[in-house]
Amino acid sequence: MIYLAVLAMTLIGAMGAFFLKAGMDRVDSLPALFRTPQIYLGGGFYLAGAGLNILLLHQLDYSVLYPMTAVTYVWSMLLSAAFLGESLTRRKLIGVAAVVLGVAILSR
């Protein structure tokens, strides 16, 4: 159950970055920054992810939880490919596989 919460935390953090990116693609000036809903949505996701991270620190060692936040890279790659049209290259897939392997080793 705790590892599902870690997965949720990393997904929420990745969604925060995704919405900030999507919002910044629409911004052409500082005033526009404050009128872009995706910026607020991204910030909200980031805050929610941080809050869940704080709660998880009560359950897991810092030396285990913090490296597990690298799963955010997996979500980021999938979100960027699905919604931003970014390519999934061999290099990206190998890098993310290495991250997943490292997280699996830590979680045992």
Protein backbone atom coordinates (compact mmCIF):
# COMPACT_ATOMS: atom_id res chain seq x y z
CA MET A 1 0.00 0.00 0.00
CA ILE A 2 2.80 2.41 0.86
CA TYR A 3 4.40 1.88 -2.55
CA LEU A 4 1.12 2.75 -4.27
CA ALA A 5 1.22 6.04 -2.39
CA VAL A 6 4.78 6.58 -3.64
CA LEU A 7 3.61 5.93 -7.21
CA ALA A 8 0.75 8.38 -6.71
CA MET A 9 3.11 11.00 -5.31
CA THR A 10 5.44 10.68 -8.29
CA LEU A 11 2.55 10.82 -10.77
CA ILE A 12 1.14 13.92 -9.10
CA GLY A 13 4.57 15.58 -9.24
CA ALA A 14 4.96 14.70 -12.92
CA MET A 15 1.53 16.12 -13.64
CA GLY A 16 2.59 19.33 -11.93
CA ALA A 17 5.57 19.66 -14.23
CA PHE A 18 3.45 18.69 -17.24
CA PHE A 19 0.86 21.40 -16.61
CA LEU A 20 3.54 23.99 -15.95
CA LYS A 21 5.12 23.10 -19.30
CA ALA A 22 1.75 23.19 -21.05
CA GLY A 23 1.01 26.55 -19.47
CA MET A 24 4.38 28.05 -20.33
CA ASP A 25 3.86 27.08 -23.97
CA ARG A 26 0.94 29.57 -23.93
CA VAL A 27 2.74 32.40 -22.14
CA ASP A 28 4.34 35.24 -24.04
CA SER A 29 4.57 37.85 -21.28
CA LEU A 30 4.70 38.14 -17.51
CA PRO A 31 1.05 39.26 -17.22
CA ALA A 32 -0.03 36.28 -19.34
CA LEU A 33 1.68 34.00 -16.82
CA PHE A 34 -0.88 35.02 -14.20
CA ARG A 35 -3.82 34.48 -16.58
CA THR A 36 -2.90 30.93 -17.59
CA PRO A 37 -4.96 28.25 -15.82
CA GLN A 38 -2.43 25.51 -16.53
CA ILE A 39 0.15 27.37 -14.42
CA TYR A 40 -2.18 27.28 -11.41
CA LEU A 41 -3.08 23.66 -12.08
CA GLY A 42 0.60 22.72 -12.28
CA GLY A 43 1.33 24.57 -9.05
CA GLY A 44 -1.58 22.80 -7.36
CA PHE A 45 -0.32 19.40 -8.45
CA TYR A 46 3.18 20.28 -7.24
CA LEU A 47 1.82 21.29 -3.83
CA ALA A 48 -0.27 18.12 -3.59
CA GLY A 49 2.75 15.99 -4.50
CA ALA A 50 4.88 17.78 -1.93
CA GLY A 51 2.21 17.25 0.74
CA LEU A 52 2.04 13.55 -0.02
CA ASN A 53 5.84 13.39 0.04
CA ILE A 54 5.84 14.91 3.53
CA LEU A 55 3.31 12.33 4.71
CA LEU A 56 5.34 9.50 3.19
CA LEU A 57 8.46 10.67 5.01
CA HIS A 58 6.70 9.57 8.18
CA GLN A 59 6.39 6.03 6.78
CA LEU A 60 9.65 5.49 4.89
CA ASP A 61 13.30 6.27 5.46
CA TYR A 62 14.47 9.40 3.66
CA SER A 63 17.28 7.38 2.07
CA VAL A 64 14.63 5.14 0.47
CA LEU A 65 11.85 7.61 -0.34
CA TYR A 66 13.89 10.37 -1.90
CA PRO A 67 15.56 8.16 -4.54
CA MET A 68 12.14 6.65 -5.30
CA THR A 69 10.96 10.06 -6.45
CA ALA A 70 12.99 9.28 -9.59
CA VAL A 71 9.90 7.38 -10.79
CA THR A 72 8.70 10.87 -11.74
CA TYR A 73 10.98 10.50 -14.78
CA VAL A 74 8.91 7.55 -15.97
CA TRP A 75 5.66 9.49 -15.72
CA SER A 76 7.23 12.56 -17.33
CA MET A 77 8.43 10.56 -20.31
CA LEU A 78 5.01 8.95 -20.79
CA LEU A 79 3.10 12.23 -20.39
CA SER A 80 5.40 14.09 -22.78
CA ALA A 81 5.09 11.36 -25.41
CA ALA A 82 1.31 11.07 -25.08
CA PHE A 83 0.36 14.74 -24.86
CA LEU A 84 3.28 16.87 -26.06
CA GLY A 85 4.29 14.79 -29.05
CA GLU A 86 7.81 14.17 -27.77
CA SER A 87 9.55 11.07 -29.09
CA LEU A 88 10.43 7.97 -27.11
CA THR A 89 14.00 7.34 -28.15
CA ARG A 90 16.07 4.30 -27.35
CA ARG A 91 18.28 6.41 -25.09
CA LYS A 92 15.29 7.67 -23.10
CA LEU A 93 13.88 4.16 -22.71
CA ILE A 94 17.23 2.78 -21.52
CA GLY A 95 17.61 5.63 -19.04
CA VAL A 96 14.14 5.16 -17.63
CA ALA A 97 14.67 1.40 -17.41
CA ALA A 98 17.79 2.07 -15.34
CA VAL A 99 15.76 4.33 -13.04
CA VAL A 100 13.08 1.66 -12.61
CA LEU A 101 15.72 -0.96 -11.84
CA GLY A 102 17.28 1.29 -9.22
CA VAL A 103 13.94 1.97 -7.57
CA ALA A 104 13.13 -1.76 -7.55
CA ILE A 105 16.45 -2.47 -5.83
CA LEU A 106 15.78 0.20 -3.19
CA SER A 107 12.24 -0.93 -2.47
CA ARG A 108 13.25 -4.44 -1.42
